Amino acid sequence: MTQKNTPLILQLLKSVSEQPEFEANKEKGEITKKEIVELRKIVTKNSEFEANSTCAII
């Protein structure tokens, strides 16, 4: 299962770093679950990650 979700997790990490709020979140040292869930929805919508979308809820 780890290998199956690794590409999704890597894409989420990339997406997090590209968000306008990234620097503020980095300074605070936190990101909300809501932000991660929203990014997951964007990443998995119409992509090869769609099948994994329910498995990667943080």
C-alpha atoms as a PDB file:
ATOM      1  CA  MET A   1       0.000   0.000   0.000  1.00  0.00           C
ATOM      2  CA  THR A   2       2.899   2.349   0.699  1.00  0.00           C
ATOM      3  CA  GLN A   3       4.182   2.104  -2.862  1.00  0.00           C
ATOM      4  CA  LYS A   4       0.676   2.656  -4.202  1.00  0.00           C
ATOM      5  CA  ASN A   5       0.220   5.941  -2.297  1.00  0.00           C
ATOM      6  CA  THR A   6       3.770   7.292  -2.625  1.00  0.00           C
ATOM      7  CA  PRO A   7       3.123   9.158  -5.913  1.00  0.00           C
ATOM      8  CA  LEU A   8       0.017  10.772  -4.411  1.00  0.00           C
ATOM      9  CA  ILE A   9       1.904  11.844  -1.298  1.00  0.00           C
ATOM     10  CA  LEU A  10       4.761  13.257  -3.379  1.00  0.00           C
ATOM     11  CA  GLN A  11       2.298  15.238  -5.492  1.00  0.00           C
ATOM     12  CA  LEU A  12       0.608  16.563  -2.350  1.00  0.00           C
ATOM     13  CA  LEU A  13       3.964  17.697  -0.957  1.00  0.00           C
ATOM     14  CA  LYS A  14       4.727  19.471  -4.215  1.00  0.00           C
ATOM     15  CA  SER A  15       1.281  21.091  -4.214  1.00  0.00           C
ATOM     16  CA  VAL A  16       1.679  22.284  -0.630  1.00  0.00           C
ATOM     17  CA  SER A  17       4.953  24.007  -1.449  1.00  0.00           C
ATOM     18  CA  GLU A  18       3.361  25.778  -4.427  1.00  0.00           C
ATOM     19  CA  GLN A  19       0.536  27.328  -2.394  1.00  0.00           C
ATOM     20  CA  PRO A  20       0.618  31.100  -1.749  1.00  0.00           C
ATOM     21  CA  GLU A  21       0.198  30.440   1.989  1.00  0.00           C
ATOM     22  CA  PHE A  22       3.224  28.124   2.085  1.00  0.00           C
ATOM     23  CA  GLU A  23       5.686  30.638   3.529  1.00  0.00           C
ATOM     24  CA  ALA A  24       3.262  31.706   6.270  1.00  0.00           C
ATOM     25  CA  ASN A  25       2.501  28.079   7.120  1.00  0.00           C
ATOM     26  CA  LYS A  26       6.210  27.267   7.117  1.00  0.00           C
ATOM     27  CA  GLU A  27       6.925  30.116   9.539  1.00  0.00           C
ATOM     28  CA  LYS A  28       4.111  28.952  11.834  1.00  0.00           C
ATOM     29  CA  GLY A  29       5.217  25.347  11.435  1.00  0.00           C
ATOM     30  CA  GLU A  30       1.726  24.089  10.690  1.00  0.00           C
ATOM     31  CA  ILE A  31      -0.762  23.374   7.961  1.00  0.00           C
ATOM     32  CA  THR A  32      -4.370  22.559   8.646  1.00  0.00           C
ATOM     33  CA  LYS A  33      -6.054  19.280   7.831  1.00  0.00           C
ATOM     34  CA  LYS A  34      -8.612  21.288   5.861  1.00  0.00           C
ATOM     35  CA  GLU A  35      -5.874  22.667   3.583  1.00  0.00           C
ATOM     36  CA  ILE A  36      -4.481  19.177   2.962  1.00  0.00           C
ATOM     37  CA  VAL A  37      -7.929  17.756   2.215  1.00  0.00           C
ATOM     38  CA  GLU A  38      -8.634  20.567  -0.255  1.00  0.00           C
ATOM     39  CA  LEU A  39      -5.301  19.995  -2.003  1.00  0.00           C
ATOM     40  CA  ARG A  40      -5.976  16.248  -2.146  1.00  0.00           C
ATOM     41  CA  LYS A  41      -9.300  16.939  -3.843  1.00  0.00           C
ATOM     42  CA  ILE A  42      -7.588  19.128  -6.432  1.00  0.00           C
ATOM     43  CA  VAL A  43      -4.774  16.635  -7.057  1.00  0.00           C
ATOM     44  CA  THR A  44      -7.024  13.601  -7.327  1.00  0.00           C
ATOM     45  CA  LYS A  45      -9.706  15.217  -9.465  1.00  0.00           C
ATOM     46  CA  ASN A  46      -9.390  13.863 -13.007  1.00  0.00           C
ATOM     47  CA  SER A  47      -5.997  12.289 -12.427  1.00  0.00           C
ATOM     48  CA  GLU A  48      -4.332   8.914 -12.014  1.00  0.00           C
ATOM     49  CA  PHE A  49      -4.606   9.415  -8.247  1.00  0.00           C
ATOM     50  CA  GLU A  50      -8.401   9.322  -8.238  1.00  0.00           C
ATOM     51  CA  ALA A  51      -8.506   5.658  -7.178  1.00  0.00           C
ATOM     52  CA  ASN A  52      -6.267   6.435  -4.187  1.00  0.00           C
ATOM     53  CA  SER A  53      -8.177   9.512  -3.033  1.00  0.00           C
ATOM     54  CA  THR A  54     -10.043   7.775  -0.220  1.00  0.00           C
ATOM     55  CA  CYS A  55      -6.938   5.974   1.017  1.00  0.00           C
ATOM     56  CA  ALA A  56      -4.831   9.072   1.594  1.00  0.00           C
ATOM     57  CA  ILE A  57      -6.952  11.036   4.026  1.00  0.00           C
ATOM     58  CA  ILE A  58      -4.673  12.475   6.680  1.00  0.00           C
END
